[in-house]
Each structure stands twice: as C-alpha cells, then as structure tokens.
Amino acid sequence: MTPTQRMIKRTMDIVAAFCGLGLLWPVILITWVLAARDTGASGFFVQERVGRGGRMIKVIKLRTMRPQQGSTVTTKNDSRITPLGAKFRRWKLDELPQLWNVLKGDMSLVGPRPDVPGFLDKLEGDDRAILELAPGITGPASLKYRDEEEELAKVDDPETYNREVIWPDKVRINRQYFANWSLLGDLRYIFLTIFPRRDRS
C-alpha cells in the first residue's frame, strides 16, 4: 500500500468509527450490561492480540463466554458460550466495542482479524506482508469464514483443522487483500458484513 492509500484508509476508519460509536453507544451500553449479567463477570472482554508490525494490542469485545480456561479455538458447541453470548456472536454484536480500537488506531474497519500469539507473529517470508496491515473488524477472510465456529464444530480435531486448513487459507486471502487493496473493496467488505449473503457455498 502506498502512503496515500494508507492515509485514505485511516481517514475512513476515523470517520466511520467516530460516527459508529456516536450512533451505537446505546446498543453497546445495553449489551454490555446484559453480557455482565449473563456471564457473571465484566461485560467487556479485553485480550492481547497481535497487531500491526507484530506489536501486541488490547482488543475489546463484549463478553460472550463464561470466564473459564479452555482452548484458544472456539467452536459453535463450546460449553463456555452462554445462550445470550451465542446470539451476540451470531449477529456480531460482540465486535462493536472494537470501534474504539479502530478510533485509537490499533485496528482498522477492514483487515486480517487480530489473532492470539502463535499465528500472525509466526509468519515467515512473503507472508509477513500481512503484518503491515492493521488488524480489522471484518475483511475478506472473515467473510469467507463467517461461520467458522460452525465449521470447526463438525471436525474431530478443531485445533489441528484450524492450524492446517483454515489458517493457511486465511493467510492466502489476506495476502491478496494487501496486494490488491482499494477503497471500493473495503466499502464492499463493510457492506457484505452488515448485509451478509446467505447463499454462500
């Protein structure tokens, strides 16, 4: 990406995140209260993820799981997910607080998802180009694997399947996104996130 493209992308992020927080703060407040009551813990879940350049960032989400230790890979049938949390995850409401991460500059509206250590930070060679991007709330890989938790629930070993099948495909998709970035492309990904096509194969 050129410096001009980065400036355009960042400007869009700031404007959209500011407007989004201004419009959606009542929704975030209500869902935060509901999440706290539902999980018996803080309504916000803050976790360190790998950000641009490999530096660690603190990503904010609505809490949808009971505070128990478990796998870093989450499936649809994960017992830690509360019934209300499942609804938040289905409608992506748990991602709304990340608009604050976007406003701060830790994240972008569109980009690779911020992963836990052990994935993005371990990329080698040309794949490390992905680290030049700020992680995003949505993106081409996120849209393709919108139902990732459901897909992982169908396999015997979700962690291995994620590491050997899903993750390499996400890297490929995100490299293509980085190489072919355009403002219209980002707008399209945002549109498809808000208005998903349910006829995907």
N, C-alpha and C. Protein backbone atom coordinates (compact mmCIF):
# COMPACT_ATOMS: atom_id res chain seq x y z
N MET A 1 0.84 -1.20 0.00
CA MET A 1 0.00 0.00 0.00
C MET A 1 0.87 1.25 0.00
N THR A 2 0.44 2.23 -0.76
CA THR A 2 1.18 3.48 -0.82
C THR A 2 0.82 4.36 0.39
N PRO A 3 1.65 5.36 0.70
CA PRO A 3 1.31 6.27 1.80
C PRO A 3 -0.05 6.94 1.61
N THR A 4 -0.39 7.28 0.37
CA THR A 4 -1.69 7.90 0.10
C THR A 4 -2.83 6.94 0.40
N GLN A 5 -2.66 5.68 0.00
CA GLN A 5 -3.69 4.69 0.28
C GLN A 5 -3.86 4.49 1.79
N ARG A 6 -2.76 4.48 2.51
CA ARG A 6 -2.84 4.32 3.97
C ARG A 6 -3.58 5.51 4.59
N MET A 7 -3.33 6.71 4.07
CA MET A 7 -3.99 7.90 4.60
C MET A 7 -5.50 7.84 4.34
N ILE A 8 -5.87 7.41 3.13
CA ILE A 8 -7.29 7.28 2.79
C ILE A 8 -7.97 6.26 3.69
N LYS A 9 -7.31 5.13 3.88
CA LYS A 9 -7.87 4.06 4.70
C LYS A 9 -8.03 4.52 6.16
N ARG A 10 -7.01 5.21 6.67
CA ARG A 10 -7.07 5.67 8.06
C ARG A 10 -8.14 6.75 8.24
N THR A 11 -8.27 7.64 7.26
CA THR A 11 -9.30 8.67 7.34
C THR A 11 -10.69 8.04 7.39
N MET A 12 -10.92 7.04 6.55
CA MET A 12 -12.20 6.36 6.55
C MET A 12 -12.44 5.68 7.90
N ASP A 13 -11.40 5.07 8.46
CA ASP A 13 -11.52 4.41 9.76
C ASP A 13 -11.95 5.39 10.84
N ILE A 14 -11.29 6.54 10.88
CA ILE A 14 -11.57 7.53 11.93
C ILE A 14 -13.01 8.04 11.82
N VAL A 15 -13.41 8.41 10.61
CA VAL A 15 -14.76 8.95 10.40
C VAL A 15 -15.81 7.90 10.74
N ALA A 16 -15.63 6.68 10.23
CA ALA A 16 -16.62 5.62 10.45
C ALA A 16 -16.69 5.20 11.91
N ALA A 17 -15.53 5.08 12.57
CA ALA A 17 -15.51 4.67 13.98
C ALA A 17 -16.14 5.75 14.86
N PHE A 18 -15.84 7.01 14.58
CA PHE A 18 -16.41 8.11 15.36
C PHE A 18 -17.94 8.14 15.20
N CYS A 19 -18.40 8.03 13.97
CA CYS A 19 -19.85 8.04 13.72
C CYS A 19 -20.51 6.79 14.31
N GLY A 20 -19.83 5.64 14.15
CA GLY A 20 -20.38 4.40 14.67
C GLY A 20 -20.55 4.42 16.18
N LEU A 21 -19.52 4.90 16.88
CA LEU A 21 -19.61 4.99 18.34
C LEU A 21 -20.67 5.99 18.76
N GLY A 22 -20.78 7.10 18.01
CA GLY A 22 -21.78 8.10 18.34
C GLY A 22 -23.20 7.58 18.19
N LEU A 23 -23.41 6.74 17.18
CA LEU A 23 -24.75 6.21 16.92
C LEU A 23 -25.06 4.96 17.74
N LEU A 24 -24.05 4.14 17.97
CA LEU A 24 -24.29 2.81 18.55
C LEU A 24 -24.00 2.71 20.04
N TRP A 25 -23.58 3.82 20.68
CA TRP A 25 -23.22 3.70 22.10
C TRP A 25 -24.38 3.19 22.96
N PRO A 26 -25.67 3.52 22.66
CA PRO A 26 -26.74 2.92 23.48
C PRO A 26 -26.80 1.40 23.34
N VAL A 27 -26.56 0.90 22.12
CA VAL A 27 -26.57 -0.54 21.89
C VAL A 27 -25.41 -1.19 22.65
N ILE A 28 -24.23 -0.57 22.57
CA ILE A 28 -23.05 -1.11 23.26
C ILE A 28 -23.29 -1.11 24.77
N LEU A 29 -23.89 -0.04 25.30
CA LEU A 29 -24.15 0.05 26.74
C LEU A 29 -25.12 -1.03 27.19
N ILE A 30 -26.21 -1.20 26.46
CA ILE A 30 -27.22 -2.19 26.84
C ILE A 30 -26.66 -3.60 26.76
N THR A 31 -25.95 -3.91 25.67
CA THR A 31 -25.40 -5.25 25.52
C THR A 31 -24.29 -5.51 26.55
N TRP A 32 -23.57 -4.46 26.94
CA TRP A 32 -22.55 -4.61 27.99
C TRP A 32 -23.19 -5.02 29.31
N VAL A 33 -24.28 -4.36 29.67
CA VAL A 33 -24.99 -4.70 30.91
C VAL A 33 -25.53 -6.13 30.84
N LEU A 34 -26.12 -6.48 29.71
CA LEU A 34 -26.67 -7.83 29.54
C LEU A 34 -25.57 -8.89 29.59
N ALA A 35 -24.43 -8.58 28.97
CA ALA A 35 -23.30 -9.53 28.98
C ALA A 35 -22.77 -9.74 30.38
N ALA A 36 -22.69 -8.67 31.17
CA ALA A 36 -22.20 -8.78 32.54
C ALA A 36 -23.14 -9.65 33.38
N ARG A 37 -24.44 -9.43 33.24
CA ARG A 37 -25.41 -10.23 34.00
C ARG A 37 -25.40 -11.69 33.54
N ASP A 38 -25.22 -11.89 32.25
CA ASP A 38 -25.30 -13.23 31.68
C ASP A 38 -24.10 -14.10 32.04
N THR A 39 -22.91 -13.49 32.09
CA THR A 39 -21.69 -14.26 32.32
C THR A 39 -21.21 -14.21 33.77
N GLY A 40 -21.76 -13.28 34.55
CA GLY A 40 -21.31 -13.14 35.93
C GLY A 40 -19.92 -12.54 36.04
N ALA A 41 -19.51 -11.81 35.02
CA ALA A 41 -18.18 -11.18 35.00
C ALA A 41 -18.31 -9.82 34.32
N SER A 42 -17.18 -9.17 34.11
CA SER A 42 -17.20 -7.89 33.41
C SER A 42 -17.84 -8.05 32.04
N GLY A 43 -18.66 -7.09 31.65
CA GLY A 43 -19.33 -7.18 30.35
C GLY A 43 -18.38 -7.05 29.18
N PHE A 44 -17.21 -6.45 29.42
CA PHE A 44 -16.20 -6.35 28.37
C PHE A 44 -15.13 -7.41 28.58
N PHE A 45 -14.64 -7.95 27.48
CA PHE A 45 -13.56 -8.92 27.49
C PHE A 45 -12.38 -8.29 26.76
N VAL A 46 -11.28 -8.11 27.47
CA VAL A 46 -10.09 -7.49 26.88
C VAL A 46 -9.00 -8.54 26.77
N GLN A 47 -8.46 -8.71 25.59
CA GLN A 47 -7.45 -9.74 25.37
C GLN A 47 -6.33 -9.19 24.49
N GLU A 48 -5.11 -9.61 24.79
CA GLU A 48 -3.97 -9.20 23.96
C GLU A 48 -3.95 -9.99 22.66
N ARG A 49 -3.85 -9.27 21.57
CA ARG A 49 -3.77 -9.87 20.24
C ARG A 49 -2.58 -9.26 19.49
N VAL A 50 -2.20 -9.90 18.41
CA VAL A 50 -1.09 -9.41 17.60
C VAL A 50 -1.60 -8.35 16.63
N GLY A 51 -0.98 -7.18 16.67
CA GLY A 51 -1.40 -6.08 15.81
C GLY A 51 -0.40 -5.81 14.70
N ARG A 52 -0.52 -4.63 14.12
CA ARG A 52 0.36 -4.24 13.01
C ARG A 52 1.82 -4.24 13.44
N GLY A 53 2.66 -4.80 12.59
CA GLY A 53 4.09 -4.87 12.89
C GLY A 53 4.45 -5.90 13.93
N GLY A 54 3.47 -6.70 14.35
CA GLY A 54 3.74 -7.74 15.34
C GLY A 54 3.64 -7.26 16.78
N ARG A 55 3.32 -5.97 16.99
CA ARG A 55 3.21 -5.48 18.37
C ARG A 55 1.89 -5.93 18.97
N MET A 56 1.87 -6.07 20.28
CA MET A 56 0.67 -6.54 20.96
C MET A 56 -0.29 -5.37 21.19
N ILE A 57 -1.57 -5.63 20.98
CA ILE A 57 -2.61 -4.64 21.23
C ILE A 57 -3.68 -5.28 22.12
N LYS A 58 -4.43 -4.45 22.82
CA LYS A 58 -5.52 -4.95 23.66
C LYS A 58 -6.83 -4.74 22.93
N VAL A 59 -7.45 -5.85 22.55
CA VAL A 59 -8.69 -5.81 21.78
C VAL A 59 -9.88 -5.95 22.73
N ILE A 60 -10.89 -5.10 22.52
CA ILE A 60 -12.07 -5.08 23.38
C ILE A 60 -13.25 -5.75 22.66
N LYS A 61 -13.90 -6.67 23.37
CA LYS A 61 -15.10 -7.31 22.84
C LYS A 61 -16.12 -7.42 23.97
N LEU A 62 -17.37 -7.64 23.61
CA LEU A 62 -18.36 -7.97 24.62
C LEU A 62 -18.11 -9.40 25.07
N ARG A 63 -18.23 -9.65 26.35
CA ARG A 63 -18.01 -11.00 26.87
C ARG A 63 -19.18 -11.89 26.48
N THR A 64 -18.88 -12.99 25.84
CA THR A 64 -19.91 -13.95 25.42
C THR A 64 -19.70 -15.33 26.02
N MET A 65 -18.59 -15.49 26.76
CA MET A 65 -18.25 -16.80 27.32
C MET A 65 -18.05 -16.69 28.83
N ARG A 66 -18.34 -17.77 29.51
CA ARG A 66 -18.06 -17.82 30.94
C ARG A 66 -16.55 -17.78 31.15
N PRO A 67 -16.08 -17.10 32.19
CA PRO A 67 -14.63 -16.97 32.42
C PRO A 67 -13.99 -18.27 32.89
N GLN A 68 -13.80 -19.20 31.94
CA GLN A 68 -13.17 -20.48 32.24
C GLN A 68 -12.01 -20.69 31.29
N GLN A 69 -11.02 -21.44 31.73
CA GLN A 69 -9.89 -21.78 30.87
C GLN A 69 -10.33 -22.79 29.81
N GLY A 70 -9.73 -22.70 28.64
CA GLY A 70 -10.06 -23.65 27.59
C GLY A 70 -9.22 -23.41 26.36
N SER A 71 -9.60 -24.06 25.26
CA SER A 71 -8.86 -23.95 24.01
C SER A 71 -8.95 -22.53 23.45
N THR A 72 -7.92 -22.13 22.71
CA THR A 72 -7.94 -20.83 22.04
C THR A 72 -8.80 -20.88 20.78
N VAL A 73 -9.20 -22.10 20.36
CA VAL A 73 -10.09 -22.28 19.22
C VAL A 73 -11.51 -22.48 19.75
N THR A 74 -12.43 -21.66 19.27
CA THR A 74 -13.81 -21.72 19.75
C THR A 74 -14.70 -22.32 18.68
N THR A 75 -15.50 -23.32 19.07
CA THR A 75 -16.45 -23.93 18.16
C THR A 75 -17.86 -23.51 18.54
N LYS A 76 -18.81 -23.78 17.66
CA LYS A 76 -20.19 -23.40 17.90
C LYS A 76 -20.75 -24.04 19.16
N ASN A 77 -20.30 -25.27 19.45
CA ASN A 77 -20.83 -26.02 20.59
C ASN A 77 -20.01 -25.83 21.86
N ASP A 78 -19.12 -24.85 21.90
CA ASP A 78 -18.28 -24.63 23.07
C ASP A 78 -19.16 -24.37 24.30
N SER A 79 -18.95 -25.17 25.33
CA SER A 79 -19.79 -25.07 26.53
C SER A 79 -19.59 -23.75 27.28
N ARG A 80 -18.51 -23.04 26.98
CA ARG A 80 -18.26 -21.77 27.66
C ARG A 80 -19.13 -20.64 27.14
N ILE A 81 -19.68 -20.79 25.93
CA ILE A 81 -20.52 -19.75 25.34
C ILE A 81 -21.90 -19.79 25.98
N THR A 82 -22.36 -18.66 26.48
CA THR A 82 -23.69 -18.59 27.08
C THR A 82 -24.74 -18.49 25.97
N PRO A 83 -26.01 -18.81 26.28
CA PRO A 83 -27.06 -18.69 25.26
C PRO A 83 -27.17 -17.27 24.69
N LEU A 84 -27.11 -16.27 25.56
CA LEU A 84 -27.15 -14.89 25.08
C LEU A 84 -25.88 -14.57 24.29
N GLY A 85 -24.74 -15.07 24.78
CA GLY A 85 -23.48 -14.86 24.08
C GLY A 85 -23.51 -15.42 22.67
N ALA A 86 -24.19 -16.56 22.49
CA ALA A 86 -24.30 -17.16 21.16
C ALA A 86 -25.05 -16.24 20.22
N LYS A 87 -26.07 -15.57 20.74
CA LYS A 87 -26.82 -14.61 19.91
C LYS A 87 -25.95 -13.41 19.57
N PHE A 88 -25.21 -12.91 20.55
CA PHE A 88 -24.31 -11.79 20.27
C PHE A 88 -23.30 -12.16 19.18
N ARG A 89 -22.75 -13.37 19.27
CA ARG A 89 -21.74 -13.81 18.30
C ARG A 89 -22.36 -13.99 16.92
N ARG A 90 -23.58 -14.51 16.89
CA ARG A 90 -24.25 -14.74 15.61
C ARG A 90 -24.47 -13.43 14.86
N TRP A 91 -24.86 -12.40 15.60
CA TRP A 91 -25.14 -11.10 14.99
C TRP A 91 -23.94 -10.17 15.03
N LYS A 92 -22.80 -10.69 15.49
CA LYS A 92 -21.54 -9.93 15.55
C LYS A 92 -21.62 -8.70 16.46
N LEU A 93 -22.56 -8.71 17.40
CA LEU A 93 -22.67 -7.59 18.33
C LEU A 93 -21.47 -7.52 19.26
N ASP A 94 -20.83 -8.68 19.50
CA ASP A 94 -19.67 -8.70 20.40
C ASP A 94 -18.48 -7.92 19.83
N GLU A 95 -18.53 -7.63 18.53
CA GLU A 95 -17.43 -6.91 17.89
C GLU A 95 -17.56 -5.39 17.99
N LEU A 96 -18.74 -4.89 18.36
CA LEU A 96 -18.98 -3.45 18.33
C LEU A 96 -17.99 -2.62 19.15
N PRO A 97 -17.58 -3.08 20.36
CA PRO A 97 -16.61 -2.27 21.12
C PRO A 97 -15.28 -2.07 20.41
N GLN A 98 -15.00 -2.89 19.39
CA GLN A 98 -13.74 -2.73 18.68
C GLN A 98 -13.70 -1.46 17.84
N LEU A 99 -14.84 -0.79 17.72
CA LEU A 99 -14.82 0.53 17.08
C LEU A 99 -13.90 1.48 17.85
N TRP A 100 -13.79 1.26 19.16
CA TRP A 100 -12.86 2.07 19.96
C TRP A 100 -11.42 1.75 19.57
N ASN A 101 -11.12 0.46 19.33
CA ASN A 101 -9.79 0.08 18.86
C ASN A 101 -9.48 0.73 17.52
N VAL A 102 -10.50 0.83 16.66
CA VAL A 102 -10.31 1.46 15.36
C VAL A 102 -10.03 2.95 15.53
N LEU A 103 -10.80 3.60 16.37
CA LEU A 103 -10.61 5.04 16.59
C LEU A 103 -9.22 5.33 17.14
N LYS A 104 -8.73 4.46 18.03
CA LYS A 104 -7.39 4.63 18.61
C LYS A 104 -6.28 4.40 17.59
N GLY A 105 -6.57 3.63 16.55
CA GLY A 105 -5.55 3.32 15.56
C GLY A 105 -4.94 1.95 15.71
N ASP A 106 -5.39 1.19 16.72
CA ASP A 106 -4.88 -0.17 16.90
C ASP A 106 -5.42 -1.11 15.83
N MET A 107 -6.64 -0.81 15.35
CA MET A 107 -7.29 -1.66 14.38
C MET A 107 -7.83 -0.82 13.23
N SER A 108 -8.31 -1.51 12.21
CA SER A 108 -8.96 -0.88 11.07
C SER A 108 -10.35 -1.50 10.92
N LEU A 109 -11.21 -0.86 10.16
CA LEU A 109 -12.50 -1.49 9.90
C LEU A 109 -12.32 -2.78 9.12
N VAL A 110 -11.40 -2.75 8.15
CA VAL A 110 -11.18 -3.91 7.28
C VAL A 110 -9.72 -4.32 7.34
N GLY A 111 -9.50 -5.62 7.47
CA GLY A 111 -8.14 -6.14 7.54
C GLY A 111 -8.16 -7.57 8.07
N PRO A 112 -7.01 -8.17 8.26
CA PRO A 112 -6.95 -9.51 8.86
C PRO A 112 -7.45 -9.43 10.30
N ARG A 113 -8.11 -10.47 10.77
CA ARG A 113 -8.56 -10.48 12.15
C ARG A 113 -7.35 -10.49 13.09
N PRO A 114 -7.44 -9.80 14.23
CA PRO A 114 -6.34 -9.83 15.21
C PRO A 114 -6.30 -11.19 15.89
N ASP A 115 -5.20 -11.90 15.75
CA ASP A 115 -5.10 -13.25 16.30
C ASP A 115 -4.32 -13.27 17.60
N VAL A 116 -4.54 -14.34 18.36
CA VAL A 116 -3.74 -14.57 19.56
C VAL A 116 -2.32 -14.90 19.13
N PRO A 117 -1.33 -14.70 19.99
CA PRO A 117 0.05 -15.04 19.63
C PRO A 117 0.17 -16.50 19.19
N GLY A 118 1.05 -16.72 18.22
CA GLY A 118 1.26 -18.07 17.72
C GLY A 118 0.85 -18.25 16.28
N PHE A 119 0.24 -17.21 15.70
CA PHE A 119 -0.19 -17.29 14.31
C PHE A 119 0.45 -16.16 13.50
N LEU A 120 -0.13 -14.96 13.57
CA LEU A 120 0.41 -13.84 12.80
C LEU A 120 1.88 -13.59 13.08
N ASP A 121 2.25 -13.65 14.35
CA ASP A 121 3.63 -13.34 14.72
C ASP A 121 4.61 -14.41 14.29
N LYS A 122 4.12 -15.56 13.85
CA LYS A 122 4.99 -16.66 13.42
C LYS A 122 5.10 -16.76 11.89
N LEU A 123 4.49 -15.82 11.18
CA LEU A 123 4.57 -15.86 9.72
C LEU A 123 6.00 -15.65 9.25
N GLU A 124 6.32 -16.25 8.10
CA GLU A 124 7.67 -16.16 7.55
C GLU A 124 7.62 -15.72 6.09
N GLY A 125 8.75 -15.21 5.61
CA GLY A 125 8.88 -14.85 4.20
C GLY A 125 7.88 -13.81 3.74
N ASP A 126 7.35 -14.01 2.53
CA ASP A 126 6.42 -13.05 1.94
C ASP A 126 5.11 -12.95 2.72
N ASP A 127 4.78 -13.99 3.49
CA ASP A 127 3.54 -13.95 4.27
C ASP A 127 3.55 -12.84 5.32
N ARG A 128 4.74 -12.40 5.72
CA ARG A 128 4.83 -11.37 6.75
C ARG A 128 4.34 -10.00 6.26
N ALA A 129 4.06 -9.90 4.96
CA ALA A 129 3.48 -8.65 4.44
C ALA A 129 2.17 -8.33 5.13
N ILE A 130 1.47 -9.36 5.58
CA ILE A 130 0.19 -9.16 6.27
C ILE A 130 0.37 -8.29 7.51
N LEU A 131 1.53 -8.39 8.14
CA LEU A 131 1.78 -7.62 9.36
C LEU A 131 1.88 -6.12 9.10
N GLU A 132 1.95 -5.72 7.83
CA GLU A 132 1.96 -4.30 7.52
C GLU A 132 0.57 -3.69 7.62
N LEU A 133 -0.45 -4.55 7.75
CA LEU A 133 -1.82 -4.10 7.87
C LEU A 133 -2.25 -4.04 9.33
N ALA A 134 -3.05 -3.04 9.68
CA ALA A 134 -3.69 -3.05 10.99
C ALA A 134 -4.78 -4.12 10.96
N PRO A 135 -4.94 -4.90 12.01
CA PRO A 135 -5.99 -5.91 12.02
C PRO A 135 -7.37 -5.27 11.92
N GLY A 136 -8.32 -5.99 11.35
CA GLY A 136 -9.63 -5.41 11.08
C GLY A 136 -10.77 -6.09 11.81
N ILE A 137 -11.88 -5.36 11.90
CA ILE A 137 -13.11 -5.93 12.45
C ILE A 137 -13.69 -6.93 11.47
N THR A 138 -13.56 -6.63 10.19
CA THR A 138 -14.02 -7.53 9.15
C THR A 138 -12.98 -7.56 8.03
N GLY A 139 -13.22 -8.37 7.02
CA GLY A 139 -12.29 -8.48 5.91
C GLY A 139 -12.66 -9.66 5.05
N PRO A 140 -11.95 -9.87 3.95
CA PRO A 140 -12.30 -10.97 3.05
C PRO A 140 -12.21 -12.34 3.71
N ALA A 141 -11.19 -12.56 4.53
CA ALA A 141 -11.07 -13.86 5.21
C ALA A 141 -12.17 -14.03 6.25
N SER A 142 -12.49 -12.96 6.96
CA SER A 142 -13.56 -13.02 7.97
C SER A 142 -14.89 -13.34 7.32
N LEU A 143 -15.14 -12.79 6.14
CA LEU A 143 -16.40 -13.04 5.45
C LEU A 143 -16.47 -14.48 4.95
N LYS A 144 -15.37 -14.98 4.41
CA LYS A 144 -15.38 -16.36 3.93
C LYS A 144 -15.62 -17.32 5.09
N TYR A 145 -15.02 -17.02 6.24
CA TYR A 145 -15.15 -17.90 7.40
C TYR A 145 -16.08 -17.29 8.46
N ARG A 146 -17.14 -16.65 7.99
CA ARG A 146 -18.11 -16.06 8.90
C ARG A 146 -18.71 -17.11 9.83
N ASP A 147 -18.88 -18.33 9.31
CA ASP A 147 -19.43 -19.43 10.10
C ASP A 147 -18.34 -20.40 10.53
N GLU A 148 -17.17 -19.85 10.84
CA GLU A 148 -16.02 -20.69 11.20
C GLU A 148 -16.29 -21.58 12.40
N GLU A 149 -16.96 -21.06 13.42
CA GLU A 149 -17.21 -21.85 14.62
C GLU A 149 -18.09 -23.06 14.31
N GLU A 150 -19.04 -22.87 13.40
CA GLU A 150 -19.89 -23.98 12.99
C GLU A 150 -19.09 -25.01 12.20
N GLU A 151 -18.19 -24.54 11.34
CA GLU A 151 -17.34 -25.44 10.56
C GLU A 151 -16.41 -26.24 11.46
N LEU A 152 -15.83 -25.59 12.47
CA LEU A 152 -14.92 -26.27 13.39
C LEU A 152 -15.65 -27.30 14.24
N ALA A 153 -16.93 -27.06 14.51
CA ALA A 153 -17.70 -28.00 15.33
C ALA A 153 -17.94 -29.33 14.62
N LYS A 154 -17.74 -29.35 13.30
CA LYS A 154 -18.01 -30.56 12.52
C LYS A 154 -16.80 -31.49 12.42
N VAL A 155 -15.62 -31.04 12.86
CA VAL A 155 -14.42 -31.86 12.72
C VAL A 155 -14.01 -32.44 14.06
N ASP A 156 -13.23 -33.53 14.01
CA ASP A 156 -12.82 -34.22 15.24
C ASP A 156 -11.78 -33.44 16.03
N ASP A 157 -10.89 -32.77 15.32
CA ASP A 157 -9.81 -32.04 15.98
C ASP A 157 -9.81 -30.59 15.49
N PRO A 158 -10.61 -29.72 16.13
CA PRO A 158 -10.73 -28.33 15.66
C PRO A 158 -9.41 -27.58 15.62
N GLU A 159 -8.54 -27.78 16.61
CA GLU A 159 -7.28 -27.03 16.66
C GLU A 159 -6.39 -27.37 15.48
N THR A 160 -6.28 -28.67 15.16
CA THR A 160 -5.46 -29.09 14.02
C THR A 160 -6.06 -28.60 12.71
N TYR A 161 -7.37 -28.70 12.58
CA TYR A 161 -8.05 -28.26 11.36
C TYR A 161 -7.86 -26.76 11.15
N ASN A 162 -7.95 -26.01 12.24
CA ASN A 162 -7.75 -24.57 12.15
C ASN A 162 -6.31 -24.25 11.72
N ARG A 163 -5.36 -24.94 12.33
CA ARG A 163 -3.95 -24.66 12.06
C ARG A 163 -3.53 -25.10 10.66
N GLU A 164 -4.05 -26.23 10.17
CA GLU A 164 -3.57 -26.81 8.92
C GLU A 164 -4.43 -26.50 7.70
N VAL A 165 -5.68 -26.11 7.92
CA VAL A 165 -6.59 -25.86 6.79
C VAL A 165 -7.05 -24.40 6.75
N ILE A 166 -7.71 -23.96 7.82
CA ILE A 166 -8.30 -22.62 7.81
C ILE A 166 -7.24 -21.53 7.83
N TRP A 167 -6.28 -21.65 8.75
CA TRP A 167 -5.28 -20.59 8.89
C TRP A 167 -4.48 -20.35 7.61
N PRO A 168 -3.93 -21.39 6.93
CA PRO A 168 -3.20 -21.13 5.69
C PRO A 168 -4.06 -20.46 4.62
N ASP A 169 -5.34 -20.81 4.57
CA ASP A 169 -6.23 -20.19 3.60
C ASP A 169 -6.46 -18.72 3.94
N LYS A 170 -6.58 -18.41 5.23
CA LYS A 170 -6.73 -17.01 5.64
C LYS A 170 -5.49 -16.19 5.26
N VAL A 171 -4.32 -16.78 5.43
CA VAL A 171 -3.08 -16.09 5.07
C VAL A 171 -3.09 -15.78 3.57
N ARG A 172 -3.48 -16.75 2.76
CA ARG A 172 -3.53 -16.55 1.30
C ARG A 172 -4.50 -15.41 0.95
N ILE A 173 -5.69 -15.44 1.55
CA ILE A 173 -6.70 -14.43 1.27
C ILE A 173 -6.22 -13.04 1.70
N ASN A 174 -5.61 -12.97 2.87
CA ASN A 174 -5.16 -11.67 3.38
C ASN A 174 -3.98 -11.12 2.59
N ARG A 175 -3.13 -11.99 2.05
CA ARG A 175 -2.05 -11.52 1.18
C ARG A 175 -2.63 -10.91 -0.09
N GLN A 176 -3.65 -11.54 -0.65
CA GLN A 176 -4.30 -10.99 -1.84
C GLN A 176 -4.95 -9.65 -1.53
N TYR A 177 -5.56 -9.55 -0.35
CA TYR A 177 -6.19 -8.29 0.05
C TYR A 177 -5.14 -7.18 0.13
N PHE A 178 -4.01 -7.47 0.74
CA PHE A 178 -2.95 -6.48 0.89
C PHE A 178 -2.41 -6.04 -0.47
N ALA A 179 -2.22 -7.01 -1.37
CA ALA A 179 -1.64 -6.71 -2.68
C ALA A 179 -2.59 -5.93 -3.58
N ASN A 180 -3.90 -6.11 -3.37
CA ASN A 180 -4.88 -5.51 -4.28
C ASN A 180 -5.82 -4.53 -3.57
N TRP A 181 -5.32 -3.88 -2.51
CA TRP A 181 -6.20 -3.01 -1.73
C TRP A 181 -6.82 -1.90 -2.56
N SER A 182 -8.10 -1.62 -2.28
CA SER A 182 -8.77 -0.46 -2.88
C SER A 182 -9.84 0.02 -1.91
N LEU A 183 -10.17 1.29 -1.99
CA LEU A 183 -11.22 1.85 -1.14
C LEU A 183 -12.56 1.20 -1.44
N LEU A 184 -12.85 0.99 -2.72
CA LEU A 184 -14.12 0.36 -3.09
C LEU A 184 -14.19 -1.06 -2.54
N GLY A 185 -13.03 -1.74 -2.52
CA GLY A 185 -13.00 -3.08 -1.95
C GLY A 185 -13.36 -3.07 -0.48
N ASP A 186 -12.79 -2.12 0.27
CA ASP A 186 -13.11 -2.02 1.69
C ASP A 186 -14.58 -1.72 1.91
N LEU A 187 -15.13 -0.82 1.11
CA LEU A 187 -16.55 -0.49 1.24
C LEU A 187 -17.42 -1.71 0.95
N ARG A 188 -16.99 -2.51 -0.01
CA ARG A 188 -17.75 -3.73 -0.34
C ARG A 188 -17.72 -4.71 0.82
N TYR A 189 -16.55 -4.89 1.45
CA TYR A 189 -16.45 -5.82 2.58
C TYR A 189 -17.30 -5.34 3.76
N ILE A 190 -17.34 -4.04 3.99
CA ILE A 190 -18.17 -3.50 5.06
C ILE A 190 -19.65 -3.75 4.76
N PHE A 191 -20.05 -3.52 3.50
CA PHE A 191 -21.44 -3.75 3.10
C PHE A 191 -21.82 -5.22 3.30
N LEU A 192 -20.94 -6.13 2.88
CA LEU A 192 -21.25 -7.56 3.00
C LEU A 192 -21.24 -8.03 4.45
N THR A 193 -20.55 -7.30 5.32
CA THR A 193 -20.57 -7.63 6.74
C THR A 193 -21.91 -7.25 7.36
N ILE A 194 -22.42 -6.07 6.98
CA ILE A 194 -23.70 -5.60 7.51
C ILE A 194 -24.87 -6.33 6.86
N PHE A 195 -24.74 -6.61 5.57
CA PHE A 195 -25.80 -7.29 4.83
C PHE A 195 -25.23 -8.56 4.20
N PRO A 196 -25.04 -9.61 5.01
CA PRO A 196 -24.38 -10.82 4.52
C PRO A 196 -25.21 -11.57 3.49
N ARG A 197 -24.51 -12.18 2.55
CA ARG A 197 -25.15 -13.05 1.57
C ARG A 197 -25.24 -14.44 2.17
N ARG A 198 -26.44 -14.94 2.35
CA ARG A 198 -26.61 -16.25 2.99
C ARG A 198 -26.59 -17.39 1.99
N ASP A 199 -26.28 -17.11 0.73
CA ASP A 199 -26.25 -18.17 -0.28
C ASP A 199 -24.84 -18.65 -0.57
N ARG A 200 -23.89 -18.30 0.36
CA ARG A 200 -22.51 -18.73 0.14
C ARG A 200 -22.42 -20.23 0.19
N SER A 201 -21.54 -20.78 -0.64
CA SER A 201 -21.32 -22.23 -0.61
C SER A 201 -20.41 -22.58 0.52
